mmCIF file of all heavy atoms, coordinates in Angstrom:
data_MODEL
# 
_entry.id   MODEL 
# 
loop_
_atom_site.group_PDB 
_atom_site.id 
_atom_site.type_symbol 
_atom_site.label_atom_id 
_atom_site.label_alt_id 
_atom_site.label_comp_id 
_atom_site.label_asym_id 
_atom_site.label_entity_id 
_atom_site.label_seq_id 
_atom_site.pdbx_PDB_ins_code 
_atom_site.Cartn_x 
_atom_site.Cartn_y 
_atom_site.Cartn_z 
_atom_site.occupancy 
_atom_site.B_iso_or_equiv 
_atom_site.pdbx_formal_charge 
_atom_site.auth_seq_id 
_atom_site.auth_comp_id 
_atom_site.auth_asym_id 
_atom_site.auth_atom_id 
_atom_site.pdbx_PDB_model_num 
ATOM 1   N N   . ASN A 1 1  ? 14.586  -7.251 6.116   1.00 0.00 ? 1  ASN A N   1 
ATOM 2   C CA  . ASN A 1 1  ? 14.415  -7.333 7.571   1.00 0.00 ? 1  ASN A CA  1 
ATOM 3   C C   . ASN A 1 1  ? 13.040  -6.797 7.943   1.00 0.00 ? 1  ASN A C   1 
ATOM 4   O O   . ASN A 1 1  ? 12.248  -6.417 7.076   1.00 0.00 ? 1  ASN A O   1 
ATOM 5   C CB  . ASN A 1 1  ? 15.532  -6.573 8.301   1.00 0.00 ? 1  ASN A CB  1 
ATOM 6   C CG  . ASN A 1 1  ? 15.642  -5.135 7.848   1.00 0.00 ? 1  ASN A CG  1 
ATOM 7   O OD1 . ASN A 1 1  ? 14.646  -4.499 7.497   1.00 0.00 ? 1  ASN A OD1 1 
ATOM 8   N ND2 . ASN A 1 1  ? 16.863  -4.598 7.846   1.00 0.00 ? 1  ASN A ND2 1 
ATOM 9   N N   . GLN A 1 2  ? 12.754  -6.752 9.228   1.00 0.00 ? 2  GLN A N   1 
ATOM 10  C CA  . GLN A 1 2  ? 11.439  -6.302 9.696   1.00 0.00 ? 2  GLN A CA  1 
ATOM 11  C C   . GLN A 1 2  ? 11.194  -4.835 9.341   1.00 0.00 ? 2  GLN A C   1 
ATOM 12  O O   . GLN A 1 2  ? 10.088  -4.481 8.935   1.00 0.00 ? 2  GLN A O   1 
ATOM 13  C CB  . GLN A 1 2  ? 11.318  -6.505 11.210  1.00 0.00 ? 2  GLN A CB  1 
ATOM 14  C CG  . GLN A 1 2  ? 9.947   -6.110 11.735  1.00 0.00 ? 2  GLN A CG  1 
ATOM 15  C CD  . GLN A 1 2  ? 9.800   -6.320 13.230  1.00 0.00 ? 2  GLN A CD  1 
ATOM 16  O OE1 . GLN A 1 2  ? 10.746  -6.704 13.914  1.00 0.00 ? 2  GLN A OE1 1 
ATOM 17  N NE2 . GLN A 1 2  ? 8.613   -6.066 13.745  1.00 0.00 ? 2  GLN A NE2 1 
ATOM 18  N N   . HIS A 1 3  ? 12.199  -4.002 9.460   1.00 0.00 ? 3  HIS A N   1 
ATOM 19  C CA  . HIS A 1 3  ? 12.043  -2.581 9.122   1.00 0.00 ? 3  HIS A CA  1 
ATOM 20  C C   . HIS A 1 3  ? 11.662  -2.419 7.643   1.00 0.00 ? 3  HIS A C   1 
ATOM 21  O O   . HIS A 1 3  ? 10.766  -1.643 7.312   1.00 0.00 ? 3  HIS A O   1 
ATOM 22  C CB  . HIS A 1 3  ? 13.336  -1.822 9.431   1.00 0.00 ? 3  HIS A CB  1 
ATOM 23  C CG  . HIS A 1 3  ? 13.289  -0.374 9.053   1.00 0.00 ? 3  HIS A CG  1 
ATOM 24  N ND1 . HIS A 1 3  ? 12.552  0.552  9.756   1.00 0.00 ? 3  HIS A ND1 1 
ATOM 25  C CD2 . HIS A 1 3  ? 13.858  0.299  8.025   1.00 0.00 ? 3  HIS A CD2 1 
ATOM 26  C CE1 . HIS A 1 3  ? 12.677  1.734  9.175   1.00 0.00 ? 3  HIS A CE1 1 
ATOM 27  N NE2 . HIS A 1 3  ? 13.470  1.611  8.121   1.00 0.00 ? 3  HIS A NE2 1 
ATOM 28  N N   . HIS A 1 4  ? 12.331  -3.155 6.770   1.00 0.00 ? 4  HIS A N   1 
ATOM 29  C CA  . HIS A 1 4  ? 12.027  -3.095 5.342   1.00 0.00 ? 4  HIS A CA  1 
ATOM 30  C C   . HIS A 1 4  ? 10.615  -3.610 5.063   1.00 0.00 ? 4  HIS A C   1 
ATOM 31  O O   . HIS A 1 4  ? 9.876   -3.037 4.259   1.00 0.00 ? 4  HIS A O   1 
ATOM 32  C CB  . HIS A 1 4  ? 13.067  -3.913 4.567   1.00 0.00 ? 4  HIS A CB  1 
ATOM 33  C CG  . HIS A 1 4  ? 12.901  -3.844 3.095   1.00 0.00 ? 4  HIS A CG  1 
ATOM 34  N ND1 . HIS A 1 4  ? 12.821  -4.959 2.309   1.00 0.00 ? 4  HIS A ND1 1 
ATOM 35  C CD2 . HIS A 1 4  ? 12.784  -2.784 2.246   1.00 0.00 ? 4  HIS A CD2 1 
ATOM 36  C CE1 . HIS A 1 4  ? 12.658  -4.605 1.049   1.00 0.00 ? 4  HIS A CE1 1 
ATOM 37  N NE2 . HIS A 1 4  ? 12.639  -3.286 0.989   1.00 0.00 ? 4  HIS A NE2 1 
ATOM 38  N N   . LEU A 1 5  ? 10.206  -4.686 5.725   1.00 0.00 ? 5  LEU A N   1 
ATOM 39  C CA  . LEU A 1 5  ? 8.854   -5.221 5.559   1.00 0.00 ? 5  LEU A CA  1 
ATOM 40  C C   . LEU A 1 5  ? 7.805   -4.200 5.975   1.00 0.00 ? 5  LEU A C   1 
ATOM 41  O O   . LEU A 1 5  ? 6.839   -3.960 5.241   1.00 0.00 ? 5  LEU A O   1 
ATOM 42  C CB  . LEU A 1 5  ? 8.683   -6.505 6.372   1.00 0.00 ? 5  LEU A CB  1 
ATOM 43  C CG  . LEU A 1 5  ? 7.271   -7.086 6.408   1.00 0.00 ? 5  LEU A CG  1 
ATOM 44  C CD1 . LEU A 1 5  ? 6.830   -7.524 5.024   1.00 0.00 ? 5  LEU A CD1 1 
ATOM 45  C CD2 . LEU A 1 5  ? 7.186   -8.240 7.395   1.00 0.00 ? 5  LEU A CD2 1 
ATOM 46  N N   . LEU A 1 6  ? 7.982   -3.582 7.136   1.00 0.00 ? 6  LEU A N   1 
ATOM 47  C CA  . LEU A 1 6  ? 7.004   -2.594 7.613   1.00 0.00 ? 6  LEU A CA  1 
ATOM 48  C C   . LEU A 1 6  ? 6.933   -1.390 6.679   1.00 0.00 ? 6  LEU A C   1 
ATOM 49  O O   . LEU A 1 6  ? 5.849   -0.864 6.413   1.00 0.00 ? 6  LEU A O   1 
ATOM 50  C CB  . LEU A 1 6  ? 7.339   -2.162 9.041   1.00 0.00 ? 6  LEU A CB  1 
ATOM 51  C CG  . LEU A 1 6  ? 7.204   -3.261 10.099  1.00 0.00 ? 6  LEU A CG  1 
ATOM 52  C CD1 . LEU A 1 6  ? 7.661   -2.747 11.456  1.00 0.00 ? 6  LEU A CD1 1 
ATOM 53  C CD2 . LEU A 1 6  ? 5.782   -3.792 10.159  1.00 0.00 ? 6  LEU A CD2 1 
ATOM 54  N N   . HIS A 1 7  ? 8.083   -0.938 6.170   1.00 0.00 ? 7  HIS A N   1 
ATOM 55  C CA  . HIS A 1 7  ? 8.102   0.179  5.221   1.00 0.00 ? 7  HIS A CA  1 
ATOM 56  C C   . HIS A 1 7  ? 7.331   -0.185 3.948   1.00 0.00 ? 7  HIS A C   1 
ATOM 57  O O   . HIS A 1 7  ? 6.501   0.585  3.463   1.00 0.00 ? 7  HIS A O   1 
ATOM 58  C CB  . HIS A 1 7  ? 9.537   0.570  4.879   1.00 0.00 ? 7  HIS A CB  1 
ATOM 59  C CG  . HIS A 1 7  ? 9.647   1.532  3.753   1.00 0.00 ? 7  HIS A CG  1 
ATOM 60  N ND1 . HIS A 1 7  ? 9.280   2.861  3.866   1.00 0.00 ? 7  HIS A ND1 1 
ATOM 61  C CD2 . HIS A 1 7  ? 10.036  1.359  2.462   1.00 0.00 ? 7  HIS A CD2 1 
ATOM 62  C CE1 . HIS A 1 7  ? 9.457   3.459  2.698   1.00 0.00 ? 7  HIS A CE1 1 
ATOM 63  N NE2 . HIS A 1 7  ? 9.915   2.557  1.828   1.00 0.00 ? 7  HIS A NE2 1 
ATOM 64  N N   . ALA A 1 8  ? 7.607   -1.376 3.398   1.00 0.00 ? 8  ALA A N   1 
ATOM 65  C CA  . ALA A 1 8  ? 6.935   -1.810 2.175   1.00 0.00 ? 8  ALA A CA  1 
ATOM 66  C C   . ALA A 1 8  ? 5.425   -1.940 2.392   1.00 0.00 ? 8  ALA A C   1 
ATOM 67  O O   . ALA A 1 8  ? 4.630   -1.532 1.541   1.00 0.00 ? 8  ALA A O   1 
ATOM 68  C CB  . ALA A 1 8  ? 7.522   -3.132 1.695   1.00 0.00 ? 8  ALA A CB  1 
ATOM 69  N N   . LEU A 1 9  ? 5.015   -2.485 3.520   1.00 0.00 ? 9  LEU A N   1 
ATOM 70  C CA  . LEU A 1 9  ? 3.589   -2.639 3.804   1.00 0.00 ? 9  LEU A CA  1 
ATOM 71  C C   . LEU A 1 9  ? 2.899   -1.287 3.974   1.00 0.00 ? 9  LEU A C   1 
ATOM 72  O O   . LEU A 1 9  ? 1.774   -1.090 3.509   1.00 0.00 ? 9  LEU A O   1 
ATOM 73  C CB  . LEU A 1 9  ? 3.380   -3.511 5.036   1.00 0.00 ? 9  LEU A CB  1 
ATOM 74  C CG  . LEU A 1 9  ? 3.726   -4.988 4.858   1.00 0.00 ? 9  LEU A CG  1 
ATOM 75  C CD1 . LEU A 1 9  ? 3.617   -5.722 6.197   1.00 0.00 ? 9  LEU A CD1 1 
ATOM 76  C CD2 . LEU A 1 9  ? 2.841   -5.637 3.807   1.00 0.00 ? 9  LEU A CD2 1 
ATOM 77  N N   . ARG A 1 10 ? 3.577   -0.326 4.629   1.00 0.00 ? 10 ARG A N   1 
ATOM 78  C CA  . ARG A 1 10 ? 2.995   1.017  4.775   1.00 0.00 ? 10 ARG A CA  1 
ATOM 79  C C   . ARG A 1 10 ? 2.826   1.695  3.421   1.00 0.00 ? 10 ARG A C   1 
ATOM 80  O O   . ARG A 1 10 ? 1.798   2.303  3.135   1.00 0.00 ? 10 ARG A O   1 
ATOM 81  C CB  . ARG A 1 10 ? 3.869   1.887  5.680   1.00 0.00 ? 10 ARG A CB  1 
ATOM 82  C CG  . ARG A 1 10 ? 3.474   1.822  7.128   1.00 0.00 ? 10 ARG A CG  1 
ATOM 83  C CD  . ARG A 1 10 ? 4.230   2.864  7.958   1.00 0.00 ? 10 ARG A CD  1 
ATOM 84  N NE  . ARG A 1 10 ? 5.086   2.132  8.880   1.00 0.00 ? 10 ARG A NE  1 
ATOM 85  C CZ  . ARG A 1 10 ? 6.409   2.025  8.789   1.00 0.00 ? 10 ARG A CZ  1 
ATOM 86  N NH1 . ARG A 1 10 ? 7.071   2.661  7.866   1.00 0.00 ? 10 ARG A NH1 1 
ATOM 87  N NH2 . ARG A 1 10 ? 7.086   1.327  9.652   1.00 0.00 ? 10 ARG A NH2 1 
ATOM 88  N N   . GLU A 1 11 ? 3.853   1.611  2.573   1.00 0.00 ? 11 GLU A N   1 
ATOM 89  C CA  . GLU A 1 11 ? 3.777   2.200  1.235   1.00 0.00 ? 11 GLU A CA  1 
ATOM 90  C C   . GLU A 1 11 ? 2.647   1.558  0.424   1.00 0.00 ? 11 GLU A C   1 
ATOM 91  O O   . GLU A 1 11 ? 1.900   2.243  -0.258  1.00 0.00 ? 11 GLU A O   1 
ATOM 92  C CB  . GLU A 1 11 ? 5.102   2.017  0.488   1.00 0.00 ? 11 GLU A CB  1 
ATOM 93  C CG  . GLU A 1 11 ? 6.175   2.958  0.904   1.00 0.00 ? 11 GLU A CG  1 
ATOM 94  C CD  . GLU A 1 11 ? 5.949   4.360  0.358   1.00 0.00 ? 11 GLU A CD  1 
ATOM 95  O OE1 . GLU A 1 11 ? 5.557   4.506  -0.818  1.00 0.00 ? 11 GLU A OE1 1 
ATOM 96  O OE2 . GLU A 1 11 ? 6.180   5.311  1.112   1.00 0.00 ? 11 GLU A OE2 1 
ATOM 97  N N   . PHE A 1 12 ? 2.532   0.237  0.482   1.00 0.00 ? 12 PHE A N   1 
ATOM 98  C CA  . PHE A 1 12 ? 1.504   -0.463 -0.267  1.00 0.00 ? 12 PHE A CA  1 
ATOM 99  C C   . PHE A 1 12 ? 0.117   -0.086 0.237   1.00 0.00 ? 12 PHE A C   1 
ATOM 100 O O   . PHE A 1 12 ? -0.797  0.143  -0.550  1.00 0.00 ? 12 PHE A O   1 
ATOM 101 C CB  . PHE A 1 12 ? 1.685   -1.977 -0.196  1.00 0.00 ? 12 PHE A CB  1 
ATOM 102 C CG  . PHE A 1 12 ? 0.695   -2.714 -1.043  1.00 0.00 ? 12 PHE A CG  1 
ATOM 103 C CD1 . PHE A 1 12 ? 0.895   -2.826 -2.409  1.00 0.00 ? 12 PHE A CD1 1 
ATOM 104 C CD2 . PHE A 1 12 ? -0.438  -3.265 -0.492  1.00 0.00 ? 12 PHE A CD2 1 
ATOM 105 C CE1 . PHE A 1 12 ? -0.027  -3.481 -3.206  1.00 0.00 ? 12 PHE A CE1 1 
ATOM 106 C CE2 . PHE A 1 12 ? -1.361  -3.927 -1.275  1.00 0.00 ? 12 PHE A CE2 1 
ATOM 107 C CZ  . PHE A 1 12 ? -1.155  -4.035 -2.640  1.00 0.00 ? 12 PHE A CZ  1 
ATOM 108 N N   . GLU A 1 13 ? -0.047  -0.002 1.549   1.00 0.00 ? 13 GLU A N   1 
ATOM 109 C CA  . GLU A 1 13 ? -1.346  0.373  2.115   1.00 0.00 ? 13 GLU A CA  1 
ATOM 110 C C   . GLU A 1 13 ? -1.752  1.773  1.661   1.00 0.00 ? 13 GLU A C   1 
ATOM 111 O O   . GLU A 1 13 ? -2.894  1.995  1.248   1.00 0.00 ? 13 GLU A O   1 
ATOM 112 C CB  . GLU A 1 13 ? -1.291  0.320  3.639   1.00 0.00 ? 13 GLU A CB  1 
ATOM 113 C CG  . GLU A 1 13 ? -2.577  0.769  4.294   1.00 0.00 ? 13 GLU A CG  1 
ATOM 114 C CD  . GLU A 1 13 ? -2.474  0.883  5.797   1.00 0.00 ? 13 GLU A CD  1 
ATOM 115 O OE1 . GLU A 1 13 ? -1.354  1.028  6.324   1.00 0.00 ? 13 GLU A OE1 1 
ATOM 116 O OE2 . GLU A 1 13 ? -3.530  0.858  6.440   1.00 0.00 ? 13 GLU A OE2 1 
ATOM 117 N N   . GLN A 1 14 ? -0.815  2.718  1.688   1.00 0.00 ? 14 GLN A N   1 
ATOM 118 C CA  . GLN A 1 14 ? -1.122  4.091  1.269   1.00 0.00 ? 14 GLN A CA  1 
ATOM 119 C C   . GLN A 1 14 ? -1.463  4.110  -0.221  1.00 0.00 ? 14 GLN A C   1 
ATOM 120 O O   . GLN A 1 14 ? -2.413  4.753  -0.635  1.00 0.00 ? 14 GLN A O   1 
ATOM 121 C CB  . GLN A 1 14 ? 0.070   4.998  1.580   1.00 0.00 ? 14 GLN A CB  1 
ATOM 122 C CG  . GLN A 1 14 ? -0.235  6.467  1.541   1.00 0.00 ? 14 GLN A CG  1 
ATOM 123 C CD  . GLN A 1 14 ? -0.199  7.055  0.151   1.00 0.00 ? 14 GLN A CD  1 
ATOM 124 O OE1 . GLN A 1 14 ? 0.539   6.592  -0.718  1.00 0.00 ? 14 GLN A OE1 1 
ATOM 125 N NE2 . GLN A 1 14 ? -1.002  8.058  -0.082  1.00 0.00 ? 14 GLN A NE2 1 
ATOM 126 N N   . PHE A 1 15 ? -0.711  3.400  -1.030  1.00 0.00 ? 15 PHE A N   1 
ATOM 127 C CA  . PHE A 1 15 ? -0.964  3.318  -2.464  1.00 0.00 ? 15 PHE A CA  1 
ATOM 128 C C   . PHE A 1 15 ? -2.324  2.670  -2.732  1.00 0.00 ? 15 PHE A C   1 
ATOM 129 O O   . PHE A 1 15 ? -3.117  3.150  -3.522  1.00 0.00 ? 15 PHE A O   1 
ATOM 130 C CB  . PHE A 1 15 ? 0.149   2.506  -3.129  1.00 0.00 ? 15 PHE A CB  1 
ATOM 131 C CG  . PHE A 1 15 ? -0.103  2.187  -4.577  1.00 0.00 ? 15 PHE A CG  1 
ATOM 132 C CD1 . PHE A 1 15 ? 0.109   3.147  -5.551  1.00 0.00 ? 15 PHE A CD1 1 
ATOM 133 C CD2 . PHE A 1 15 ? -0.536  0.935  -4.961  1.00 0.00 ? 15 PHE A CD2 1 
ATOM 134 C CE1 . PHE A 1 15 ? -0.115  2.857  -6.890  1.00 0.00 ? 15 PHE A CE1 1 
ATOM 135 C CE2 . PHE A 1 15 ? -0.754  0.634  -6.291  1.00 0.00 ? 15 PHE A CE2 1 
ATOM 136 C CZ  . PHE A 1 15 ? -0.542  1.603  -7.258  1.00 0.00 ? 15 PHE A CZ  1 
ATOM 137 N N   . TYR A 1 16 ? -2.612  1.575  -2.047  1.00 0.00 ? 16 TYR A N   1 
ATOM 138 C CA  . TYR A 1 16 ? -3.830  0.810  -2.287  1.00 0.00 ? 16 TYR A CA  1 
ATOM 139 C C   . TYR A 1 16 ? -5.074  1.602  -1.908  1.00 0.00 ? 16 TYR A C   1 
ATOM 140 O O   . TYR A 1 16 ? -6.073  1.574  -2.620  1.00 0.00 ? 16 TYR A O   1 
ATOM 141 C CB  . TYR A 1 16 ? -3.786  -0.500 -1.496  1.00 0.00 ? 16 TYR A CB  1 
ATOM 142 C CG  . TYR A 1 16 ? -4.908  -1.443 -1.836  1.00 0.00 ? 16 TYR A CG  1 
ATOM 143 C CD1 . TYR A 1 16 ? -4.807  -2.298 -2.921  1.00 0.00 ? 16 TYR A CD1 1 
ATOM 144 C CD2 . TYR A 1 16 ? -6.060  -1.481 -1.070  1.00 0.00 ? 16 TYR A CD2 1 
ATOM 145 C CE1 . TYR A 1 16 ? -5.827  -3.166 -3.243  1.00 0.00 ? 16 TYR A CE1 1 
ATOM 146 C CE2 . TYR A 1 16 ? -7.089  -2.347 -1.383  1.00 0.00 ? 16 TYR A CE2 1 
ATOM 147 C CZ  . TYR A 1 16 ? -6.962  -3.192 -2.469  1.00 0.00 ? 16 TYR A CZ  1 
ATOM 148 O OH  . TYR A 1 16 ? -7.979  -4.043 -2.790  1.00 0.00 ? 16 TYR A OH  1 
ATOM 149 N N   . THR A 1 17 ? -5.036  2.323  -0.794  1.00 0.00 ? 17 THR A N   1 
ATOM 150 C CA  . THR A 1 17 ? -6.230  3.028  -0.333  1.00 0.00 ? 17 THR A CA  1 
ATOM 151 C C   . THR A 1 17 ? -6.366  4.439  -0.890  1.00 0.00 ? 17 THR A C   1 
ATOM 152 O O   . THR A 1 17 ? -7.464  4.978  -0.933  1.00 0.00 ? 17 THR A O   1 
ATOM 153 C CB  . THR A 1 17 ? -6.275  3.111  1.203   1.00 0.00 ? 17 THR A CB  1 
ATOM 154 O OG1 . THR A 1 17 ? -5.107  3.788  1.658   1.00 0.00 ? 17 THR A OG1 1 
ATOM 155 C CG2 . THR A 1 17 ? -6.349  1.728  1.810   1.00 0.00 ? 17 THR A CG2 1 
ATOM 156 N N   . ALA A 1 18 ? -5.268  5.060  -1.336  1.00 0.00 ? 18 ALA A N   1 
ATOM 157 C CA  . ALA A 1 18 ? -5.345  6.454  -1.768  1.00 0.00 ? 18 ALA A CA  1 
ATOM 158 C C   . ALA A 1 18 ? -5.185  6.655  -3.266  1.00 0.00 ? 18 ALA A C   1 
ATOM 159 O O   . ALA A 1 18 ? -5.694  7.624  -3.808  1.00 0.00 ? 18 ALA A O   1 
ATOM 160 C CB  . ALA A 1 18 ? -4.286  7.288  -1.052  1.00 0.00 ? 18 ALA A CB  1 
ATOM 161 N N   . HIS A 1 19 ? -4.501  5.761  -3.954  1.00 0.00 ? 19 HIS A N   1 
ATOM 162 C CA  . HIS A 1 19 ? -4.232  6.042  -5.359  1.00 0.00 ? 19 HIS A CA  1 
ATOM 163 C C   . HIS A 1 19 ? -4.723  4.969  -6.313  1.00 0.00 ? 19 HIS A C   1 
ATOM 164 O O   . HIS A 1 19 ? -5.240  5.273  -7.374  1.00 0.00 ? 19 HIS A O   1 
ATOM 165 C CB  . HIS A 1 19 ? -2.727  6.242  -5.592  1.00 0.00 ? 19 HIS A CB  1 
ATOM 166 C CG  . HIS A 1 19 ? -2.418  6.593  -7.010  1.00 0.00 ? 19 HIS A CG  1 
ATOM 167 N ND1 . HIS A 1 19 ? -2.598  7.862  -7.498  1.00 0.00 ? 19 HIS A ND1 1 
ATOM 168 C CD2 . HIS A 1 19 ? -2.013  5.853  -8.054  1.00 0.00 ? 19 HIS A CD2 1 
ATOM 169 C CE1 . HIS A 1 19 ? -2.296  7.876  -8.785  1.00 0.00 ? 19 HIS A CE1 1 
ATOM 170 N NE2 . HIS A 1 19 ? -1.930  6.662  -9.143  1.00 0.00 ? 19 HIS A NE2 1 
ATOM 171 N N   . ARG A 1 20 ? -4.553  3.727  -5.987  1.00 0.00 ? 20 ARG A N   1 
ATOM 172 C CA  . ARG A 1 20 ? -4.817  2.613  -6.898  1.00 0.00 ? 20 ARG A CA  1 
ATOM 173 C C   . ARG A 1 20 ? -6.246  2.654  -7.430  1.00 0.00 ? 20 ARG A C   1 
ATOM 174 O O   . ARG A 1 20 ? -7.197  2.770  -6.670  1.00 0.00 ? 20 ARG A O   1 
ATOM 175 C CB  . ARG A 1 20 ? -4.594  1.303  -6.159  1.00 0.00 ? 20 ARG A CB  1 
ATOM 176 C CG  . ARG A 1 20 ? -4.836  0.078  -6.989  1.00 0.00 ? 20 ARG A CG  1 
ATOM 177 C CD  . ARG A 1 20 ? -4.600  -1.152 -6.111  1.00 0.00 ? 20 ARG A CD  1 
ATOM 178 N NE  . ARG A 1 20 ? -4.884  -2.355 -6.824  1.00 0.00 ? 20 ARG A NE  1 
ATOM 179 C CZ  . ARG A 1 20 ? -6.075  -2.965 -6.822  1.00 0.00 ? 20 ARG A CZ  1 
ATOM 180 N NH1 . ARG A 1 20 ? -7.069  -2.451 -6.148  1.00 0.00 ? 20 ARG A NH1 1 
ATOM 181 N NH2 . ARG A 1 20 ? -6.254  -4.068 -7.488  1.00 0.00 ? 20 ARG A NH2 1 
ATOM 182 N N   . PRO A 1 21 ? -6.427  2.536  -8.754  1.00 0.00 ? 21 PRO A N   1 
ATOM 183 C CA  . PRO A 1 21 ? -7.787  2.457  -9.287  1.00 0.00 ? 21 PRO A CA  1 
ATOM 184 C C   . PRO A 1 21 ? -8.410  1.113  -8.924  1.00 0.00 ? 21 PRO A C   1 
ATOM 185 O O   . PRO A 1 21 ? -7.774  0.074  -9.018  1.00 0.00 ? 21 PRO A O   1 
ATOM 186 C CB  . PRO A 1 21 ? -7.603  2.574  -10.796 1.00 0.00 ? 21 PRO A CB  1 
ATOM 187 C CG  . PRO A 1 21 ? -6.193  2.215  -11.051 1.00 0.00 ? 21 PRO A CG  1 
ATOM 188 C CD  . PRO A 1 21 ? -5.423  2.521  -9.804  1.00 0.00 ? 21 PRO A CD  1 
ATOM 189 N N   . HIS A 1 22 ? -9.629  1.151  -8.481  1.00 0.00 ? 22 HIS A N   1 
ATOM 190 C CA  . HIS A 1 22 ? -10.332 -0.051 -8.058  1.00 0.00 ? 22 HIS A CA  1 
ATOM 191 C C   . HIS A 1 22 ? -11.396 -0.427 -9.080  1.00 0.00 ? 22 HIS A C   1 
ATOM 192 O O   . HIS A 1 22 ? -11.899 0.411  -9.804  1.00 0.00 ? 22 HIS A O   1 
ATOM 193 C CB  . HIS A 1 22 ? -10.978 0.167  -6.688  1.00 0.00 ? 22 HIS A CB  1 
ATOM 194 C CG  . HIS A 1 22 ? -9.965  0.275  -5.598  1.00 0.00 ? 22 HIS A CG  1 
ATOM 195 N ND1 . HIS A 1 22 ? -9.580  -0.801 -4.852  1.00 0.00 ? 22 HIS A ND1 1 
ATOM 196 C CD2 . HIS A 1 22 ? -9.214  1.307  -5.159  1.00 0.00 ? 22 HIS A CD2 1 
ATOM 197 C CE1 . HIS A 1 22 ? -8.668  -0.433 -3.991  1.00 0.00 ? 22 HIS A CE1 1 
ATOM 198 N NE2 . HIS A 1 22 ? -8.426  0.844  -4.156  1.00 0.00 ? 22 HIS A NE2 1 
ATOM 199 N N   . GLN A 1 23 ? -11.723 -1.678 -9.121  1.00 0.00 ? 23 GLN A N   1 
ATOM 200 C CA  . GLN A 1 23 ? -12.732 -2.174 -10.050 1.00 0.00 ? 23 GLN A CA  1 
ATOM 201 C C   . GLN A 1 23 ? -14.122 -2.000 -9.440  1.00 0.00 ? 23 GLN A C   1 
ATOM 202 O O   . GLN A 1 23 ? -14.831 -2.956 -9.191  1.00 0.00 ? 23 GLN A O   1 
ATOM 203 C CB  . GLN A 1 23 ? -12.451 -3.645 -10.384 1.00 0.00 ? 23 GLN A CB  1 
ATOM 204 C CG  . GLN A 1 23 ? -11.123 -3.861 -11.071 1.00 0.00 ? 23 GLN A CG  1 
ATOM 205 C CD  . GLN A 1 23 ? -11.032 -3.125 -12.388 1.00 0.00 ? 23 GLN A CD  1 
ATOM 206 O OE1 . GLN A 1 23 ? -11.935 -3.184 -13.201 1.00 0.00 ? 23 GLN A OE1 1 
ATOM 207 N NE2 . GLN A 1 23 ? -9.955  -2.398 -12.584 1.00 0.00 ? 23 GLN A NE2 1 
ATOM 208 N N   . GLY A 1 24 ? -14.486 -0.790 -9.200  1.00 0.00 ? 24 GLY A N   1 
ATOM 209 C CA  . GLY A 1 24 ? -15.802 -0.472 -8.678  1.00 0.00 ? 24 GLY A CA  1 
ATOM 210 C C   . GLY A 1 24 ? -16.529 0.412  -9.668  1.00 0.00 ? 24 GLY A C   1 
ATOM 211 O O   . GLY A 1 24 ? -16.284 0.357  -10.871 1.00 0.00 ? 24 GLY A O   1 
ATOM 212 N N   . ILE A 1 25 ? -17.400 1.235  -9.185  1.00 0.00 ? 25 ILE A N   1 
ATOM 213 C CA  . ILE A 1 25 ? -18.141 2.152  -10.047 1.00 0.00 ? 25 ILE A CA  1 
ATOM 214 C C   . ILE A 1 25 ? -17.163 3.139  -10.662 1.00 0.00 ? 25 ILE A C   1 
ATOM 215 O O   . ILE A 1 25 ? -16.535 3.928  -9.974  1.00 0.00 ? 25 ILE A O   1 
ATOM 216 C CB  . ILE A 1 25 ? -19.236 2.888  -9.245  1.00 0.00 ? 25 ILE A CB  1 
ATOM 217 C CG1 . ILE A 1 25 ? -20.203 1.869  -8.669  1.00 0.00 ? 25 ILE A CG1 1 
ATOM 218 C CG2 . ILE A 1 25 ? -19.953 3.909  -10.112 1.00 0.00 ? 25 ILE A CG2 1 
ATOM 219 C CD1 . ILE A 1 25 ? -21.196 2.475  -7.706  1.00 0.00 ? 25 ILE A CD1 1 
# 
């Protein structure tokens, strides 16, 4: 449902910007 989608997107955003290793320097 929409609540589950928003929760998943928030978790992914936090993971992507704060923890995930990026292919940069």
